[in-house]
Structure formats: structure tokens, C-alpha cells
Amino acid sequence: MSKNKSSIDSSENHYNTLLAPVITEKSTIASEHNQVVFKVPLEATKPQISEAVEALFKVKVKAVNTLRVKGKKKQFRGRPFTRSTVKKAIVTLEEGHSIDVTTGL
């Protein structure tokens, strides 16, 4: 029973590690080079991201690059606010592997 519980916990962690795919012009250009871009939590590490992508999509990960986009200061109707800081992961896949992010999980 504990093995079953731990596998459920690990799959939940994988779903919590990858928040959403980033679909922009730049990420579609990167997909031509076997790369996929995901939004991840600020505390996620590269090994965690790699493990989550391999487990959820059943592909081999070649490399993971991460970047933090600091929230910008903006104004809405004269009231200042700050956008949230976001962490992105650019996942490079091995040759022959691909992920179709438009289909979902």
C-alpha cells in the first residue's frame, strides 16, 4: 500500500512542478530545435523539472535551462502594482523525441 501511495505523491509532484506550457512566438521557434518551454514554480530545480517532463510525457530530456523573469511595475487606472515574478524552464529533448503541448495532459 505504501508503494501505491508514494507513486501517487510523486505524480502529484510532477504535475505541481510543471505549471503550464509557454506558448509564444519565441517558444514556437524553439520547438523547431527540439525545445519546449514551461512555466515552473520559483523553487523548482533543474533535476526536478527534468524528472517531471520525463515522467509525464515519456520522453528523454537532454538539457534544462531556467530563467527568472522579474515582475514589472505597472499601473492600472492610476494605481501601481507589480506583476508576479515567474520562472521559465527551457527543456531540450533528445533527437527523435517531441511533445505536442497543444493536446494537454
PDB file of N, CA and C in Angstrom:
ATOM      1  N   MET A   1       0.826  -1.195   0.000  1.00  0.00           N
ATOM      2  CA  MET A   1       0.000   0.000   0.000  1.00  0.00           C
ATOM      3  C   MET A   1       0.870   1.258   0.000  1.00  0.00           C
ATOM      4  N   SER A   2       1.998   1.246   0.690  1.00  0.00           N
ATOM      5  CA  SER A   2       2.848   2.426   0.745  1.00  0.00           C
ATOM      6  C   SER A   2       3.458   2.722  -0.622  1.00  0.00           C
ATOM      7  N   LYS A   3       3.720   1.670  -1.417  1.00  0.00           N
ATOM      8  CA  LYS A   3       4.278   1.885  -2.756  1.00  0.00           C
ATOM      9  C   LYS A   3       3.271   2.622  -3.630  1.00  0.00           C
ATOM     10  N   ASN A   4       2.006   2.237  -3.518  1.00  0.00           N
ATOM     11  CA  ASN A   4       0.959   2.883  -4.289  1.00  0.00           C
ATOM     12  C   ASN A   4       0.820   4.354  -3.890  1.00  0.00           C
ATOM     13  N   LYS A   5       0.863   4.626  -2.600  1.00  0.00           N
ATOM     14  CA  LYS A   5       0.749   5.988  -2.074  1.00  0.00           C
ATOM     15  C   LYS A   5       1.917   6.853  -2.551  1.00  0.00           C
ATOM     16  N   SER A   6       3.143   6.299  -2.544  1.00  0.00           N
ATOM     17  CA  SER A   6       4.305   7.086  -2.950  1.00  0.00           C
ATOM     18  C   SER A   6       4.271   7.383  -4.446  1.00  0.00           C
ATOM     19  N   SER A   7       3.746   6.465  -5.263  1.00  0.00           N
ATOM     20  CA  SER A   7       3.658   6.740  -6.698  1.00  0.00           C
ATOM     21  C   SER A   7       2.640   7.830  -6.974  1.00  0.00           C
ATOM     22  N   ILE A   8       1.559   7.876  -6.183  1.00  0.00           N
ATOM     23  CA  ILE A   8       0.570   8.946  -6.339  1.00  0.00           C
ATOM     24  C   ILE A   8       1.178  10.277  -5.938  1.00  0.00           C
ATOM     25  N   ASP A   9       1.929  10.291  -4.831  1.00  0.00           N
ATOM     26  CA  ASP A   9       2.567  11.517  -4.374  1.00  0.00           C
ATOM     27  C   ASP A   9       3.575  12.032  -5.403  1.00  0.00           C
ATOM     28  N   SER A  10       4.355  11.131  -6.007  1.00  0.00           N
ATOM     29  CA  SER A  10       5.357  11.569  -6.971  1.00  0.00           C
ATOM     30  C   SER A  10       4.699  12.115  -8.233  1.00  0.00           C
ATOM     31  N   SER A  11       3.583  11.520  -8.678  1.00  0.00           N
ATOM     32  CA  SER A  11       2.922  12.045  -9.867  1.00  0.00           C
ATOM     33  C   SER A  11       2.295  13.409  -9.578  1.00  0.00           C
ATOM     34  N   GLU A  12       1.798  13.600  -8.346  1.00  0.00           N
ATOM     35  CA  GLU A  12       1.283  14.913  -7.962  1.00  0.00           C
ATOM     36  C   GLU A  12       2.398  15.941  -7.978  1.00  0.00           C
ATOM     37  N   ASN A  13       3.583  15.554  -7.495  1.00  0.00           N
ATOM     38  CA  ASN A  13       4.724  16.462  -7.508  1.00  0.00           C
ATOM     39  C   ASN A  13       5.103  16.823  -8.935  1.00  0.00           C
ATOM     40  N   HIS A  14       5.009  15.862  -9.859  1.00  0.00           N
ATOM     41  CA  HIS A  14       5.327  16.145 -11.256  1.00  0.00           C
ATOM     42  C   HIS A  14       4.336  17.159 -11.830  1.00  0.00           C
ATOM     43  N   TYR A  15       3.059  16.987 -11.514  1.00  0.00           N
ATOM     44  CA  TYR A  15       2.056  17.939 -12.006  1.00  0.00           C
ATOM     45  C   TYR A  15       2.242  19.311 -11.360  1.00  0.00           C
ATOM     46  N   ASN A  16       2.719  19.357 -10.107  1.00  0.00           N
ATOM     47  CA  ASN A  16       2.960  20.634  -9.439  1.00  0.00           C
ATOM     48  C   ASN A  16       4.245  21.295  -9.921  1.00  0.00           C
ATOM     49  N   THR A  17       5.159  20.508 -10.508  1.00  0.00           N
ATOM     50  CA  THR A  17       6.414  21.067 -10.993  1.00  0.00           C
ATOM     51  C   THR A  17       6.213  21.807 -12.308  1.00  0.00           C
ATOM     52  N   LEU A  18       5.398  21.266 -13.202  1.00  0.00           N
ATOM     53  CA  LEU A  18       5.131  21.915 -14.491  1.00  0.00           C
ATOM     54  C   LEU A  18       3.778  22.605 -14.398  1.00  0.00           C
ATOM     55  N   LEU A  19       3.784  23.923 -14.300  1.00  0.00           N
ATOM     56  CA  LEU A  19       2.535  24.657 -14.130  1.00  0.00           C
ATOM     57  C   LEU A  19       1.778  24.811 -15.448  1.00  0.00           C
ATOM     58  N   ALA A  20       2.474  25.210 -16.514  1.00  0.00           N
ATOM     59  CA  ALA A  20       1.809  25.423 -17.801  1.00  0.00           C
ATOM     60  C   ALA A  20       2.858  25.540 -18.897  1.00  0.00           C
ATOM     61  N   PRO A  21       2.493  25.173 -20.122  1.00  0.00           N
ATOM     62  CA  PRO A  21       3.409  25.435 -21.229  1.00  0.00           C
ATOM     63  C   PRO A  21       3.353  26.915 -21.592  1.00  0.00           C
ATOM     64  N   VAL A  22       4.467  27.438 -22.058  1.00  0.00           N
ATOM     65  CA  VAL A  22       4.513  28.828 -22.506  1.00  0.00           C
ATOM     66  C   VAL A  22       4.390  28.797 -24.027  1.00  0.00           C
ATOM     67  N   ILE A  23       3.308  29.371 -24.549  1.00  0.00           N
ATOM     68  CA  ILE A  23       3.071  29.354 -25.986  1.00  0.00           C
ATOM     69  C   ILE A  23       3.176  30.783 -26.498  1.00  0.00           C
ATOM     70  N   THR A  24       4.346  31.102 -27.031  1.00  0.00           N
ATOM     71  CA  THR A  24       4.605  32.408 -27.613  1.00  0.00           C
ATOM     72  C   THR A  24       5.291  32.194 -28.955  1.00  0.00           C
ATOM     73  N   GLU A  25       5.515  33.287 -29.652  1.00  0.00           N
ATOM     74  CA  GLU A  25       6.210  33.205 -30.933  1.00  0.00           C
ATOM     75  C   GLU A  25       7.612  32.626 -30.749  1.00  0.00           C
ATOM     76  N   LYS A  26       8.286  33.080 -29.712  1.00  0.00           N
ATOM     77  CA  LYS A  26       9.650  32.632 -29.456  1.00  0.00           C
ATOM     78  C   LYS A  26       9.692  31.148 -29.086  1.00  0.00           C
ATOM     79  N   SER A  27       8.705  30.675 -28.311  1.00  0.00           N
ATOM     80  CA  SER A  27       8.706  29.266 -27.927  1.00  0.00           C
ATOM     81  C   SER A  27       8.357  28.356 -29.100  1.00  0.00           C
ATOM     82  N   THR A  28       7.551  28.820 -30.044  1.00  0.00           N
ATOM     83  CA  THR A  28       7.270  28.004 -31.223  1.00  0.00           C
ATOM     84  C   THR A  28       8.494  27.911 -32.124  1.00  0.00           C
ATOM     85  N   ILE A  29       9.288  28.957 -32.181  1.00  0.00           N
ATOM     86  CA  ILE A  29      10.551  28.902 -32.930  1.00  0.00           C
ATOM     87  C   ILE A  29      11.505  27.925 -32.240  1.00  0.00           C
ATOM     88  N   ALA A  30      11.514  27.924 -30.905  1.00  0.00           N
ATOM     89  CA  ALA A  30      12.374  27.000 -30.159  1.00  0.00           C
ATOM     90  C   ALA A  30      11.938  25.554 -30.366  1.00  0.00           C
ATOM     91  N   SER A  31      10.639  25.324 -30.603  1.00  0.00           N
ATOM     92  CA  SER A  31      10.161  23.954 -30.798  1.00  0.00           C
ATOM     93  C   SER A  31      10.720  23.342 -32.079  1.00  0.00           C
ATOM     94  N   GLU A  32      11.129  24.157 -33.027  1.00  0.00           N
ATOM     95  CA  GLU A  32      11.776  23.649 -34.230  1.00  0.00           C
ATOM     96  C   GLU A  32      13.146  23.060 -33.917  1.00  0.00           C
ATOM     97  N   HIS A  33      13.734  23.460 -32.791  1.00  0.00           N
ATOM     98  CA  HIS A  33      15.050  22.973 -32.367  1.00  0.00           C
ATOM     99  C   HIS A  33      14.925  21.969 -31.222  1.00  0.00           C
ATOM    100  N   ASN A  34      13.776  21.272 -31.148  1.00  0.00           N
ATOM    101  CA  ASN A  34      13.555  20.235 -30.142  1.00  0.00           C
ATOM    102  C   ASN A  34      13.529  20.796 -28.723  1.00  0.00           C
ATOM    103  N   GLN A  35      12.987  22.000 -28.534  1.00  0.00           N
ATOM    104  CA  GLN A  35      12.903  22.607 -27.214  1.00  0.00           C
ATOM    105  C   GLN A  35      11.451  22.920 -26.883  1.00  0.00           C
ATOM    106  N   VAL A  36      11.107  22.790 -25.594  1.00  0.00           N
ATOM    107  CA  VAL A  36       9.768  23.101 -25.108  1.00  0.00           C
ATOM    108  C   VAL A  36       9.934  24.020 -23.903  1.00  0.00           C
ATOM    109  N   VAL A  37       9.058  25.022 -23.769  1.00  0.00           N
ATOM    110  CA  VAL A  37       9.156  25.993 -22.678  1.00  0.00           C
ATOM    111  C   VAL A  37       7.969  25.793 -21.733  1.00  0.00           C
ATOM    112  N   PHE A  38       8.256  25.694 -20.433  1.00  0.00           N
ATOM    113  CA  PHE A  38       7.227  25.531 -19.408  1.00  0.00           C
ATOM    114  C   PHE A  38       7.362  26.618 -18.356  1.00  0.00           C
ATOM    115  N   LYS A  39       6.230  26.995 -17.747  1.00  0.00           N
ATOM    116  CA  LYS A  39       6.242  27.847 -16.568  1.00  0.00           C
ATOM    117  C   LYS A  39       6.337  26.912 -15.370  1.00  0.00           C
ATOM    118  N   VAL A  40       7.270  27.189 -14.451  1.00  0.00           N
ATOM    119  CA  VAL A  40       7.501  26.324 -13.296  1.00  0.00           C
ATOM    120  C   VAL A  40       7.509  27.175 -12.022  1.00  0.00           C
ATOM    121  N   PRO A  41       7.347  26.547 -10.838  1.00  0.00           N
ATOM    122  CA  PRO A  41       7.427  27.310  -9.592  1.00  0.00           C
ATOM    123  C   PRO A  41       8.829  27.886  -9.379  1.00  0.00           C
ATOM    124  N   LEU A  42       8.924  28.945  -8.608  1.00  0.00           N
ATOM    125  CA  LEU A  42      10.212  29.601  -8.369  1.00  0.00           C
ATOM    126  C   LEU A  42      11.200  28.694  -7.663  1.00  0.00           C
ATOM    127  N   GLU A  43      10.720  27.738  -6.840  1.00  0.00           N
ATOM    128  CA  GLU A  43      11.628  26.878  -6.094  1.00  0.00           C
ATOM    129  C   GLU A  43      11.975  25.578  -6.819  1.00  0.00           C
ATOM    130  N   ALA A  44      11.464  25.372  -8.042  1.00  0.00           N
ATOM    131  CA  ALA A  44      11.743  24.139  -8.792  1.00  0.00           C
ATOM    132  C   ALA A  44      13.197  24.114  -9.262  1.00  0.00           C
ATOM    133  N   THR A  45      13.829  22.932  -9.170  1.00  0.00           N
ATOM    134  CA  THR A  45      15.213  22.781  -9.597  1.00  0.00           C
ATOM    135  C   THR A  45      15.260  22.087 -10.957  1.00  0.00           C
ATOM    136  N   LYS A  46      16.415  22.163 -11.604  1.00  0.00           N
ATOM    137  CA  LYS A  46      16.572  21.544 -12.914  1.00  0.00           C
ATOM    138  C   LYS A  46      16.356  20.027 -12.878  1.00  0.00           C
ATOM    139  N   PRO A  47      16.917  19.288 -11.885  1.00  0.00           N
ATOM    140  CA  PRO A  47      16.655  17.846 -11.840  1.00  0.00           C
ATOM    141  C   PRO A  47      15.168  17.516 -11.642  1.00  0.00           C
ATOM    142  N   GLN A  48      14.455  18.304 -10.832  1.00  0.00           N
ATOM    143  CA  GLN A  48      13.028  18.084 -10.628  1.00  0.00           C
ATOM    144  C   GLN A  48      12.259  18.305 -11.919  1.00  0.00           C
ATOM    145  N   ILE A  49      12.608  19.356 -12.663  1.00  0.00           N
ATOM    146  CA  ILE A  49      11.932  19.666 -13.927  1.00  0.00           C
ATOM    147  C   ILE A  49      12.184  18.555 -14.934  1.00  0.00           C
ATOM    148  N   SER A  50      13.427  18.106 -15.032  1.00  0.00           N
ATOM    149  CA  SER A  50      13.782  17.035 -15.959  1.00  0.00           C
ATOM    150  C   SER A  50      13.024  15.756 -15.641  1.00  0.00           C
ATOM    151  N   GLU A  51      12.968  15.393 -14.368  1.00  0.00           N
ATOM    152  CA  GLU A  51      12.268  14.187 -13.935  1.00  0.00           C
ATOM    153  C   GLU A  51      10.772  14.277 -14.238  1.00  0.00           C
ATOM    154  N   ALA A  52      10.184  15.454 -14.011  1.00  0.00           N
ATOM    155  CA  ALA A  52       8.753  15.633 -14.255  1.00  0.00           C
ATOM    156  C   ALA A  52       8.418  15.510 -15.738  1.00  0.00           C
ATOM    157  N   VAL A  53       9.232  16.111 -16.608  1.00  0.00           N
ATOM    158  CA  VAL A  53       8.978  16.045 -18.049  1.00  0.00           C
ATOM    159  C   VAL A  53       9.115  14.612 -18.540  1.00  0.00           C
ATOM    160  N   GLU A  54      10.150  13.905 -18.072  1.00  0.00           N
ATOM    161  CA  GLU A  54      10.350  12.514 -18.495  1.00  0.00           C
ATOM    162  C   GLU A  54       9.210  11.621 -18.019  1.00  0.00           C
ATOM    163  N   ALA A  55       8.713  11.847 -16.801  1.00  0.00           N
ATOM    164  CA  ALA A  55       7.650  11.003 -16.256  1.00  0.00           C
ATOM    165  C   ALA A  55       6.298  11.289 -16.905  1.00  0.00           C
ATOM    166  N   LEU A  56       5.976  12.555 -17.116  1.00  0.00           N
ATOM    167  CA  LEU A  56       4.648  12.902 -17.628  1.00  0.00           C
ATOM    168  C   LEU A  56       4.510  12.703 -19.136  1.00  0.00           C
ATOM    169  N   PHE A  57       5.561  13.004 -19.897  1.00  0.00           N
ATOM    170  CA  PHE A  57       5.464  12.946 -21.355  1.00  0.00           C
ATOM    171  C   PHE A  57       6.168  11.730 -21.956  1.00  0.00           C
ATOM    172  N   LYS A  58       6.878  10.957 -21.132  1.00  0.00           N
ATOM    173  CA  LYS A  58       7.588   9.751 -21.582  1.00  0.00           C
ATOM    174  C   LYS A  58       8.559  10.046 -22.734  1.00  0.00           C
ATOM    175  N   VAL A  59       9.408  11.033 -22.505  1.00  0.00           N
ATOM    176  CA  VAL A  59      10.453  11.433 -23.455  1.00  0.00           C
ATOM    177  C   VAL A  59      11.784  11.497 -22.719  1.00  0.00           C
ATOM    178  N   LYS A  60      12.879  11.583 -23.456  1.00  0.00           N
ATOM    179  CA  LYS A  60      14.210  11.727 -22.865  1.00  0.00           C
ATOM    180  C   LYS A  60      14.617  13.194 -22.930  1.00  0.00           C
ATOM    181  N   VAL A  61      15.059  13.744 -21.797  1.00  0.00           N
ATOM    182  CA  VAL A  61      15.478  15.139 -21.704  1.00  0.00           C
ATOM    183  C   VAL A  61      16.985  15.220 -21.861  1.00  0.00           C
ATOM    184  N   LYS A  62      17.424  16.094 -22.754  1.00  0.00           N
ATOM    185  CA  LYS A  62      18.860  16.290 -22.977  1.00  0.00           C
ATOM    186  C   LYS A  62      19.409  17.346 -22.016  1.00  0.00           C
ATOM    187  N   ALA A  63      18.699  18.476 -21.874  1.00  0.00           N
ATOM    188  CA  ALA A  63      19.160  19.569 -21.009  1.00  0.00           C
ATOM    189  C   ALA A  63      17.980  20.408 -20.539  1.00  0.00           C
ATOM    190  N   VAL A  64      18.183  21.101 -19.424  1.00  0.00           N
ATOM    191  CA  VAL A  64      17.180  22.026 -18.896  1.00  0.00           C
ATOM    192  C   VAL A  64      17.869  23.346 -18.584  1.00  0.00           C
ATOM    193  N   ASN A  65      17.353  24.417 -19.138  1.00  0.00           N
ATOM    194  CA  ASN A  65      17.828  25.761 -18.823  1.00  0.00           C
ATOM    195  C   ASN A  65      16.673  26.508 -18.160  1.00  0.00           C
ATOM    196  N   THR A  66      16.976  27.276 -17.112  1.00  0.00           N
ATOM    197  CA  THR A  66      15.931  28.020 -16.419  1.00  0.00           C
ATOM    198  C   THR A  66      16.246  29.505 -16.425  1.00  0.00           C
ATOM    199  N   LEU A  67      15.179  30.310 -16.310  1.00  0.00           N
ATOM    200  CA  LEU A  67      15.359  31.747 -16.184  1.00  0.00           C
ATOM    201  C   LEU A  67      14.228  32.313 -15.352  1.00  0.00           C
ATOM    202  N   ARG A  68      14.552  33.354 -14.602  1.00  0.00           N
ATOM    203  CA  ARG A  68      13.559  34.039 -13.776  1.00  0.00           C
ATOM    204  C   ARG A  68      13.244  35.379 -14.416  1.00  0.00           C
ATOM    205  N   VAL A  69      11.955  35.633 -14.628  1.00  0.00           N
ATOM    206  CA  VAL A  69      11.502  36.903 -15.185  1.00  0.00           C
ATOM    207  C   VAL A  69      10.942  37.710 -14.028  1.00  0.00           C
ATOM    208  N   LYS A  70      11.660  38.770 -13.645  1.00  0.00           N
ATOM    209  CA  LYS A  70      11.248  39.586 -12.509  1.00  0.00           C
ATOM    210  C   LYS A  70       9.998  40.377 -12.869  1.00  0.00           C
ATOM    211  N   GLY A  71       9.054  40.449 -11.928  1.00  0.00           N
ATOM    212  CA  GLY A  71       7.790  41.147 -12.151  1.00  0.00           C
ATOM    213  C   GLY A  71       7.996  42.637 -12.408  1.00  0.00           C
ATOM    214  N   LYS A  72       7.295  43.155 -13.414  1.00  0.00           N
ATOM    215  CA  LYS A  72       7.418  44.570 -13.763  1.00  0.00           C
ATOM    216  C   LYS A  72       6.472  45.421 -12.920  1.00  0.00           C
ATOM    217  N   LYS A  73       6.866  46.646 -12.683  1.00  0.00           N
ATOM    218  CA  LYS A  73       5.997  47.599 -12.002  1.00  0.00           C
ATOM    219  C   LYS A  73       5.100  48.243 -13.063  1.00  0.00           C
ATOM    220  N   LYS A  74       3.783  48.169 -12.852  1.00  0.00           N
ATOM    221  CA  LYS A  74       2.819  48.680 -13.816  1.00  0.00           C
ATOM    222  C   LYS A  74       1.812  49.566 -13.096  1.00  0.00           C
ATOM    223  N   GLN A  75       0.928  50.179 -13.883  1.00  0.00           N
ATOM    224  CA  GLN A  75      -0.165  50.967 -13.319  1.00  0.00           C
ATOM    225  C   GLN A  75      -1.456  50.595 -14.019  1.00  0.00           C
ATOM    226  N   PHE A  76      -2.531  50.498 -13.236  1.00  0.00           N
ATOM    227  CA  PHE A  76      -3.850  50.242 -13.782  1.00  0.00           C
ATOM    228  C   PHE A  76      -4.786  51.269 -13.189  1.00  0.00           C
ATOM    229  N   ARG A  77      -5.340  52.128 -14.044  1.00  0.00           N
ATOM    230  CA  ARG A  77      -6.212  53.227 -13.619  1.00  0.00           C
ATOM    231  C   ARG A  77      -5.545  54.084 -12.546  1.00  0.00           C
ATOM    232  N   GLY A  78      -4.249  54.334 -12.738  1.00  0.00           N
ATOM    233  CA  GLY A  78      -3.508  55.198 -11.829  1.00  0.00           C
ATOM    234  C   GLY A  78      -3.000  54.520 -10.576  1.00  0.00           C
ATOM    235  N   ARG A  79      -3.351  53.271 -10.363  1.00  0.00           N
ATOM    236  CA  ARG A  79      -2.917  52.571  -9.156  1.00  0.00           C
ATOM    237  C   ARG A  79      -1.736  51.663  -9.484  1.00  0.00           C
ATOM    238  N   PRO A  80      -0.635  51.825  -8.771  1.00  0.00           N
ATOM    239  CA  PRO A  80       0.538  50.991  -9.062  1.00  0.00           C
ATOM    240  C   PRO A  80       0.372  49.565  -8.524  1.00  0.00           C
ATOM    241  N   PHE A  81       0.930  48.625  -9.250  1.00  0.00           N
ATOM    242  CA  PHE A  81       1.011  47.246  -8.793  1.00  0.00           C
ATOM    243  C   PHE A  81       2.221  46.601  -9.450  1.00  0.00           C
ATOM    244  N   THR A  82       2.602  45.418  -8.956  1.00  0.00           N
ATOM    245  CA  THR A  82       3.742  44.699  -9.501  1.00  0.00           C
ATOM    246  C   THR A  82       3.281  43.338  -9.990  1.00  0.00           C
ATOM    247  N   ARG A  83       3.650  42.997 -11.215  1.00  0.00           N
ATOM    248  CA  ARG A  83       3.348  41.664 -11.737  1.00  0.00           C
ATOM    249  C   ARG A  83       4.163  40.629 -10.968  1.00  0.00           C
ATOM    250  N   SER A  84       3.704  39.411 -10.978  1.00  0.00           N
ATOM    251  CA  SER A  84       4.393  38.340 -10.258  1.00  0.00           C
ATOM    252  C   SER A  84       5.681  37.949 -10.967  1.00  0.00           C
ATOM    253  N   THR A  85       6.687  37.573 -10.182  1.00  0.00           N
ATOM    254  CA  THR A  85       7.916  37.028 -10.740  1.00  0.00           C
ATOM    255  C   THR A  85       7.628  35.603 -11.198  1.00  0.00           C
ATOM    256  N   VAL A  86       8.139  35.246 -12.380  1.00  0.00           N
ATOM    257  CA  VAL A  86       7.845  33.954 -12.997  1.00  0.00           C
ATOM    258  C   VAL A  86       9.155  33.256 -13.326  1.00  0.00           C
ATOM    259  N   LYS A  87       9.174  31.922 -13.189  1.00  0.00           N
ATOM    260  CA  LYS A  87      10.329  31.125 -13.589  1.00  0.00           C
ATOM    261  C   LYS A  87       9.931  30.283 -14.786  1.00  0.00           C
ATOM    262  N   LYS A  88      10.768  30.290 -15.824  1.00  0.00           N
ATOM    263  CA  LYS A  88      10.527  29.506 -17.025  1.00  0.00           C
ATOM    264  C   LYS A  88      11.623  28.455 -17.156  1.00  0.00           C
ATOM    265  N   ALA A  89      11.262  27.311 -17.714  1.00  0.00           N
ATOM    266  CA  ALA A  89      12.224  26.242 -17.972  1.00  0.00           C
ATOM    267  C   ALA A  89      12.202  25.925 -19.458  1.00  0.00           C
ATOM    268  N   ILE A  90      13.367  26.003 -20.096  1.00  0.00           N
ATOM    269  CA  ILE A  90      13.504  25.634 -21.493  1.00  0.00           C
ATOM    270  C   ILE A  90      14.095  24.228 -21.507  1.00  0.00           C
ATOM    271  N   VAL A  91      13.285  23.253 -21.916  1.00  0.00           N
ATOM    272  CA  VAL A  91      13.667  21.849 -21.876  1.00  0.00           C
ATOM    273  C   VAL A  91      14.060  21.415 -23.286  1.00  0.00           C
ATOM    274  N   THR A  92      15.306  20.973 -23.441  1.00  0.00           N
ATOM    275  CA  THR A  92      15.786  20.449 -24.715  1.00  0.00           C
ATOM    276  C   THR A  92      15.634  18.937 -24.691  1.00  0.00           C
ATOM    277  N   LEU A  93      14.977  18.396 -25.720  1.00  0.00           N
ATOM    278  CA  LEU A  93      14.717  16.967 -25.798  1.00  0.00           C
ATOM    279  C   LEU A  93      15.747  16.278 -26.672  1.00  0.00           C
ATOM    280  N   GLU A  94      15.940  14.964 -26.431  1.00  0.00           N
ATOM    281  CA  GLU A  94      16.840  14.167 -27.261  1.00  0.00           C
ATOM    282  C   GLU A  94      16.274  14.089 -28.683  1.00  0.00           C
ATOM    283  N   GLU A  95      17.139  13.773 -29.640  1.00  0.00           N
ATOM    284  CA  GLU A  95      16.712  13.625 -31.025  1.00  0.00           C
ATOM    285  C   GLU A  95      15.661  12.518 -31.128  1.00  0.00           C
ATOM    286  N   GLY A  96      14.639  12.766 -31.926  1.00  0.00           N
ATOM    287  CA  GLY A  96      13.596  11.769 -32.132  1.00  0.00           C
ATOM    288  C   GLY A  96      12.441  11.866 -31.148  1.00  0.00           C
ATOM    289  N   HIS A  97      12.579  12.655 -30.079  1.00  0.00           N
ATOM    290  CA  HIS A  97      11.507  12.833 -29.101  1.00  0.00           C
ATOM    291  C   HIS A  97      10.844  14.189 -29.333  1.00  0.00           C
ATOM    292  N   SER A  98       9.528  14.257 -29.080  1.00  0.00           N
ATOM    293  CA  SER A  98       8.813  15.525 -29.219  1.00  0.00           C
ATOM    294  C   SER A  98       7.622  15.539 -28.277  1.00  0.00           C
ATOM    295  N   ILE A  99       7.170  16.743 -27.963  1.00  0.00           N
ATOM    296  CA  ILE A  99       5.998  16.943 -27.099  1.00  0.00           C
ATOM    297  C   ILE A  99       5.057  17.867 -27.857  1.00  0.00           C
ATOM    298  N   ASP A 100       3.787  17.487 -27.916  1.00  0.00           N
ATOM    299  CA  ASP A 100       2.759  18.353 -28.510  1.00  0.00           C
ATOM    300  C   ASP A 100       2.043  19.028 -27.357  1.00  0.00           C
ATOM    301  N   VAL A 101       2.379  20.289 -27.070  1.00  0.00           N
ATOM    302  CA  VAL A 101       1.827  20.981 -25.898  1.00  0.00           C
ATOM    303  C   VAL A 101       0.384  21.414 -26.126  1.00  0.00           C
ATOM    304  N   THR A 102      -0.099  21.384 -27.357  1.00  0.00           N
ATOM    305  CA  THR A 102      -1.479  21.830 -27.619  1.00  0.00           C
ATOM    306  C   THR A 102      -2.508  20.787 -27.199  1.00  0.00           C
ATOM    307  N   THR A 103      -2.106  19.520 -27.044  1.00  0.00           N
ATOM    308  CA  THR A 103      -3.068  18.475 -26.688  1.00  0.00           C
ATOM    309  C   THR A 103      -3.343  18.413 -25.195  1.00  0.00           C
ATOM    310  N   GLY A 104      -2.430  18.867 -24.362  1.00  0.00           N
ATOM    311  CA  GLY A 104      -2.617  18.814 -22.914  1.00  0.00           C
ATOM    312  C   GLY A 104      -2.192  17.470 -22.359  1.00  0.00           C
ATOM    313  N   LEU A 105      -2.417  17.289 -21.038  1.00  0.00           N
ATOM    314  CA  LEU A 105      -2.004  16.037 -20.382  1.00  0.00           C
ATOM    315  C   LEU A 105      -3.174  15.100 -20.228  1.00  0.00           C
TER     316      LEU A 105
END
